[in-house]
N, C-alpha and C. Protein backbone atom coordinates (compact mmCIF):
# COMPACT_ATOMS: atom_id res chain seq x y z
N MET A 1 13.81 4.12 -42.88
CA MET A 1 14.96 4.77 -42.30
C MET A 1 14.55 5.42 -40.98
N VAL A 2 15.35 5.22 -39.94
CA VAL A 2 15.09 5.79 -38.62
C VAL A 2 15.91 7.04 -38.46
N THR A 3 15.25 8.11 -38.07
CA THR A 3 15.98 9.36 -37.84
C THR A 3 15.97 9.69 -36.37
N LYS A 4 17.03 10.32 -35.94
CA LYS A 4 17.13 10.73 -34.55
C LYS A 4 16.49 12.09 -34.38
N SER A 5 15.85 12.27 -33.26
CA SER A 5 15.23 13.55 -32.96
C SER A 5 16.31 14.57 -32.66
N LYS A 6 16.10 15.78 -33.13
CA LYS A 6 17.06 16.87 -32.88
C LYS A 6 16.92 17.43 -31.48
N THR A 7 15.75 17.22 -30.85
CA THR A 7 15.55 17.75 -29.50
C THR A 7 15.76 16.63 -28.51
N LYS A 8 16.38 16.98 -27.40
CA LYS A 8 16.61 15.99 -26.34
C LYS A 8 15.50 16.11 -25.31
N LYS A 9 15.03 14.97 -24.87
CA LYS A 9 14.02 14.97 -23.83
C LYS A 9 14.69 15.20 -22.48
N ARG A 10 14.00 15.94 -21.65
CA ARG A 10 14.51 16.22 -20.32
C ARG A 10 14.33 14.97 -19.46
N VAL A 11 15.36 14.57 -18.80
CA VAL A 11 15.28 13.42 -17.91
C VAL A 11 14.56 13.87 -16.64
N THR A 12 13.55 13.13 -16.26
CA THR A 12 12.77 13.47 -15.09
C THR A 12 13.05 12.46 -13.98
N THR A 13 13.29 12.96 -12.80
CA THR A 13 13.49 12.06 -11.67
C THR A 13 12.14 11.58 -11.17
N PHE A 14 12.16 10.56 -10.37
CA PHE A 14 10.93 10.04 -9.79
C PHE A 14 10.24 11.12 -8.95
N ASP A 15 11.02 11.84 -8.16
CA ASP A 15 10.45 12.91 -7.33
C ASP A 15 9.78 13.98 -8.18
N GLU A 16 10.40 14.35 -9.30
CA GLU A 16 9.81 15.35 -10.19
C GLU A 16 8.52 14.83 -10.82
N LEU A 17 8.51 13.57 -11.15
CA LEU A 17 7.32 12.96 -11.73
C LEU A 17 6.17 12.97 -10.72
N ILE A 18 6.45 12.55 -9.50
CA ILE A 18 5.42 12.55 -8.45
C ILE A 18 4.91 13.96 -8.20
N GLU A 19 5.83 14.93 -8.15
CA GLU A 19 5.42 16.32 -7.91
C GLU A 19 4.56 16.85 -9.05
N SER A 20 4.90 16.50 -10.28
CA SER A 20 4.12 17.01 -11.42
C SER A 20 2.71 16.41 -11.44
N ARG A 21 2.58 15.18 -10.97
CA ARG A 21 1.27 14.52 -10.99
C ARG A 21 0.44 14.76 -9.73
N HIS A 22 1.12 14.91 -8.59
CA HIS A 22 0.39 14.94 -7.32
C HIS A 22 0.65 16.19 -6.48
N GLY A 23 1.41 17.13 -7.01
CA GLY A 23 1.64 18.38 -6.30
C GLY A 23 2.87 18.35 -5.40
N LYS A 24 3.18 19.51 -4.89
CA LYS A 24 4.34 19.65 -4.01
C LYS A 24 4.04 19.03 -2.65
N ILE A 25 5.11 18.63 -1.96
CA ILE A 25 4.99 18.07 -0.62
C ILE A 25 4.26 19.06 0.27
N GLY A 26 3.28 18.56 1.01
CA GLY A 26 2.52 19.41 1.93
C GLY A 26 1.20 19.91 1.38
N THR A 27 1.00 19.81 0.06
CA THR A 27 -0.28 20.24 -0.50
C THR A 27 -1.32 19.15 -0.25
N LYS A 28 -2.58 19.56 -0.26
CA LYS A 28 -3.67 18.62 0.00
C LYS A 28 -3.65 17.46 -0.99
N LYS A 29 -3.46 17.76 -2.26
CA LYS A 29 -3.44 16.73 -3.29
C LYS A 29 -2.31 15.73 -3.04
N ARG A 30 -1.14 16.21 -2.66
CA ARG A 30 0.01 15.34 -2.40
C ARG A 30 -0.22 14.48 -1.16
N ILE A 31 -0.77 15.09 -0.11
CA ILE A 31 -1.05 14.34 1.11
C ILE A 31 -2.04 13.22 0.84
N GLU A 32 -3.09 13.51 0.06
CA GLU A 32 -4.08 12.47 -0.28
C GLU A 32 -3.43 11.34 -1.06
N PHE A 33 -2.53 11.68 -2.00
CA PHE A 33 -1.81 10.65 -2.75
C PHE A 33 -0.95 9.79 -1.81
N GLU A 34 -0.23 10.45 -0.90
CA GLU A 34 0.67 9.71 0.00
C GLU A 34 -0.12 8.79 0.94
N ILE A 35 -1.29 9.24 1.36
CA ILE A 35 -2.13 8.38 2.21
C ILE A 35 -2.56 7.13 1.44
N LYS A 36 -2.97 7.31 0.19
CA LYS A 36 -3.36 6.16 -0.63
C LYS A 36 -2.17 5.24 -0.89
N ALA A 37 -1.01 5.82 -1.11
CA ALA A 37 0.19 5.02 -1.35
C ALA A 37 0.56 4.19 -0.12
N LYS A 38 0.41 4.79 1.05
CA LYS A 38 0.73 4.07 2.29
C LYS A 38 -0.31 2.98 2.57
N SER A 39 -1.56 3.24 2.23
CA SER A 39 -2.59 2.21 2.38
C SER A 39 -2.28 1.02 1.49
N PHE A 40 -1.84 1.30 0.26
CA PHE A 40 -1.45 0.24 -0.66
C PHE A 40 -0.27 -0.54 -0.08
N ALA A 41 0.71 0.17 0.48
CA ALA A 41 1.90 -0.49 1.05
C ALA A 41 1.51 -1.39 2.23
N ILE A 42 0.59 -0.94 3.06
CA ILE A 42 0.12 -1.77 4.18
C ILE A 42 -0.52 -3.04 3.65
N GLY A 43 -1.31 -2.92 2.60
CA GLY A 43 -1.92 -4.10 1.99
C GLY A 43 -0.88 -5.08 1.47
N GLU A 44 0.17 -4.55 0.87
CA GLU A 44 1.25 -5.41 0.37
C GLU A 44 1.98 -6.12 1.51
N ILE A 45 2.16 -5.42 2.62
CA ILE A 45 2.81 -6.03 3.79
C ILE A 45 1.95 -7.16 4.34
N ILE A 46 0.66 -6.91 4.45
CA ILE A 46 -0.25 -7.95 4.95
C ILE A 46 -0.24 -9.15 4.02
N LYS A 47 -0.29 -8.90 2.72
CA LYS A 47 -0.27 -9.99 1.74
C LYS A 47 1.01 -10.82 1.87
N GLU A 48 2.15 -10.15 1.97
CA GLU A 48 3.43 -10.86 2.07
C GLU A 48 3.52 -11.66 3.37
N GLU A 49 3.10 -11.07 4.47
CA GLU A 49 3.15 -11.78 5.76
C GLU A 49 2.19 -12.98 5.75
N ARG A 50 1.05 -12.81 5.12
CA ARG A 50 0.10 -13.94 5.01
C ARG A 50 0.71 -15.06 4.21
N ARG A 51 1.35 -14.71 3.12
CA ARG A 51 2.00 -15.74 2.28
C ARG A 51 3.14 -16.43 3.03
N LEU A 52 3.93 -15.65 3.78
CA LEU A 52 5.02 -16.23 4.57
C LEU A 52 4.49 -17.18 5.63
N ALA A 53 3.28 -16.91 6.12
CA ALA A 53 2.64 -17.77 7.11
C ALA A 53 1.92 -18.95 6.45
N ASN A 54 2.02 -19.05 5.13
CA ASN A 54 1.36 -20.12 4.37
C ASN A 54 -0.14 -20.17 4.65
N MET A 55 -0.75 -18.97 4.64
CA MET A 55 -2.19 -18.87 4.89
C MET A 55 -2.89 -18.36 3.64
N THR A 56 -4.10 -18.81 3.44
CA THR A 56 -4.94 -18.26 2.38
C THR A 56 -5.69 -17.06 2.94
N GLN A 57 -6.30 -16.29 2.06
CA GLN A 57 -7.13 -15.19 2.52
C GLN A 57 -8.30 -15.72 3.35
N ASP A 58 -8.85 -16.84 2.95
CA ASP A 58 -9.95 -17.46 3.72
C ASP A 58 -9.51 -17.80 5.13
N GLU A 59 -8.32 -18.39 5.26
CA GLU A 59 -7.83 -18.78 6.58
C GLU A 59 -7.60 -17.56 7.47
N LEU A 60 -7.02 -16.51 6.90
CA LEU A 60 -6.79 -15.28 7.68
C LEU A 60 -8.11 -14.65 8.07
N ALA A 61 -9.06 -14.64 7.17
CA ALA A 61 -10.38 -14.09 7.47
C ALA A 61 -11.06 -14.88 8.59
N ASP A 62 -11.02 -16.20 8.52
CA ASP A 62 -11.63 -17.04 9.56
C ASP A 62 -10.97 -16.80 10.92
N LYS A 63 -9.67 -16.69 10.92
CA LYS A 63 -8.92 -16.51 12.17
C LYS A 63 -9.19 -15.16 12.81
N THR A 64 -9.54 -14.16 12.02
CA THR A 64 -9.70 -12.81 12.54
C THR A 64 -11.14 -12.32 12.53
N GLY A 65 -12.07 -13.17 12.15
CA GLY A 65 -13.48 -12.80 12.18
C GLY A 65 -13.88 -11.81 11.10
N THR A 66 -13.19 -11.84 9.97
CA THR A 66 -13.54 -10.97 8.85
C THR A 66 -13.95 -11.86 7.67
N LYS A 67 -14.09 -11.24 6.51
CA LYS A 67 -14.45 -11.99 5.30
C LYS A 67 -13.28 -11.98 4.32
N LYS A 68 -13.22 -13.02 3.50
CA LYS A 68 -12.18 -13.12 2.49
C LYS A 68 -12.19 -11.90 1.59
N SER A 69 -13.37 -11.43 1.21
CA SER A 69 -13.47 -10.27 0.31
C SER A 69 -12.85 -9.03 0.95
N PHE A 70 -12.99 -8.89 2.28
CA PHE A 70 -12.39 -7.76 2.98
C PHE A 70 -10.87 -7.86 2.96
N ILE A 71 -10.34 -9.05 3.22
CA ILE A 71 -8.89 -9.27 3.16
C ILE A 71 -8.38 -8.94 1.76
N SER A 72 -9.09 -9.38 0.75
CA SER A 72 -8.71 -9.12 -0.64
C SER A 72 -8.68 -7.62 -0.93
N ARG A 73 -9.70 -6.89 -0.49
CA ARG A 73 -9.75 -5.44 -0.73
C ARG A 73 -8.58 -4.74 -0.04
N ILE A 74 -8.25 -5.16 1.17
CA ILE A 74 -7.12 -4.55 1.89
C ILE A 74 -5.82 -4.85 1.15
N GLU A 75 -5.61 -6.10 0.78
CA GLU A 75 -4.37 -6.50 0.12
C GLU A 75 -4.20 -5.83 -1.24
N ASN A 76 -5.29 -5.46 -1.86
CA ASN A 76 -5.21 -4.80 -3.17
C ASN A 76 -5.32 -3.28 -3.09
N GLY A 77 -5.30 -2.75 -1.87
CA GLY A 77 -5.32 -1.30 -1.69
C GLY A 77 -6.65 -0.65 -2.01
N HIS A 78 -7.74 -1.42 -1.93
CA HIS A 78 -9.06 -0.89 -2.27
C HIS A 78 -9.94 -0.63 -1.06
N SER A 79 -9.35 -0.67 0.13
CA SER A 79 -10.15 -0.45 1.33
C SER A 79 -9.30 0.21 2.39
N ASP A 80 -9.88 1.19 3.08
CA ASP A 80 -9.21 1.75 4.24
C ASP A 80 -9.28 0.73 5.35
N ILE A 81 -8.31 0.79 6.23
CA ILE A 81 -8.27 -0.17 7.32
C ILE A 81 -8.16 0.60 8.63
N GLN A 82 -9.00 0.25 9.59
CA GLN A 82 -8.91 0.86 10.91
C GLN A 82 -7.72 0.26 11.64
N LEU A 83 -7.16 1.03 12.55
CA LEU A 83 -6.01 0.53 13.31
C LEU A 83 -6.35 -0.74 14.08
N SER A 84 -7.55 -0.81 14.65
CA SER A 84 -7.93 -2.01 15.40
C SER A 84 -7.94 -3.23 14.48
N THR A 85 -8.38 -3.05 13.26
CA THR A 85 -8.40 -4.15 12.29
C THR A 85 -6.98 -4.52 11.88
N LEU A 86 -6.14 -3.54 11.68
CA LEU A 86 -4.73 -3.79 11.34
C LEU A 86 -4.07 -4.63 12.43
N PHE A 87 -4.26 -4.22 13.68
CA PHE A 87 -3.67 -4.97 14.79
C PHE A 87 -4.24 -6.38 14.85
N ARG A 88 -5.54 -6.52 14.64
CA ARG A 88 -6.17 -7.85 14.68
C ARG A 88 -5.61 -8.76 13.59
N LEU A 89 -5.47 -8.23 12.38
CA LEU A 89 -4.94 -9.03 11.27
C LEU A 89 -3.50 -9.45 11.51
N ILE A 90 -2.68 -8.48 11.90
CA ILE A 90 -1.24 -8.76 12.08
C ILE A 90 -0.97 -9.57 13.34
N GLU A 91 -1.52 -9.13 14.46
CA GLU A 91 -1.17 -9.77 15.72
C GLU A 91 -1.95 -11.04 16.00
N LEU A 92 -3.27 -10.99 15.86
CA LEU A 92 -4.08 -12.18 16.10
C LEU A 92 -3.99 -13.15 14.93
N GLY A 93 -4.14 -12.63 13.72
CA GLY A 93 -4.18 -13.49 12.55
C GLY A 93 -2.83 -14.06 12.14
N LEU A 94 -1.80 -13.22 12.20
CA LEU A 94 -0.49 -13.65 11.69
C LEU A 94 0.56 -13.87 12.78
N GLY A 95 0.21 -13.54 14.02
CA GLY A 95 1.15 -13.77 15.12
C GLY A 95 2.36 -12.86 15.11
N LYS A 96 2.23 -11.70 14.50
CA LYS A 96 3.33 -10.73 14.43
C LYS A 96 2.99 -9.53 15.30
N LYS A 97 3.92 -8.61 15.45
CA LYS A 97 3.71 -7.38 16.21
C LYS A 97 3.75 -6.19 15.25
N VAL A 98 2.92 -5.20 15.51
CA VAL A 98 2.91 -3.97 14.73
C VAL A 98 3.73 -2.92 15.44
N SER A 99 4.55 -2.23 14.69
CA SER A 99 5.36 -1.13 15.24
C SER A 99 5.12 0.08 14.35
N LEU A 100 4.71 1.20 14.94
CA LEU A 100 4.44 2.42 14.19
C LEU A 100 5.47 3.48 14.53
N THR A 101 5.85 4.26 13.53
CA THR A 101 6.77 5.36 13.73
C THR A 101 6.13 6.62 13.22
N ILE A 102 6.20 7.68 14.01
CA ILE A 102 5.72 8.99 13.58
C ILE A 102 6.92 9.90 13.46
N GLU A 103 7.06 10.53 12.31
CA GLU A 103 8.21 11.41 12.08
C GLU A 103 7.80 12.85 12.09
């Protein structure tokens, strides 16, 4: 027999969940999390653009003078990327333009 709980669970928003795990906006812990999240997002963008260009990681690495393992680490969010490398991968390797916005 299944019984219903007498207590209701509080519905948590995504923002509340992030705040509970990584701190309030502006704290060191939250900033570090957001930097890692953005690094992961950049890797996903590179992976998607590479796939749209019908390129393998090996081909992108050869075209940009890097190694396949480095491309893999970037695409999986396991490596920091210098801006010069980002521009080289996107512009030289994939033939796209990078646009940055600072808010």
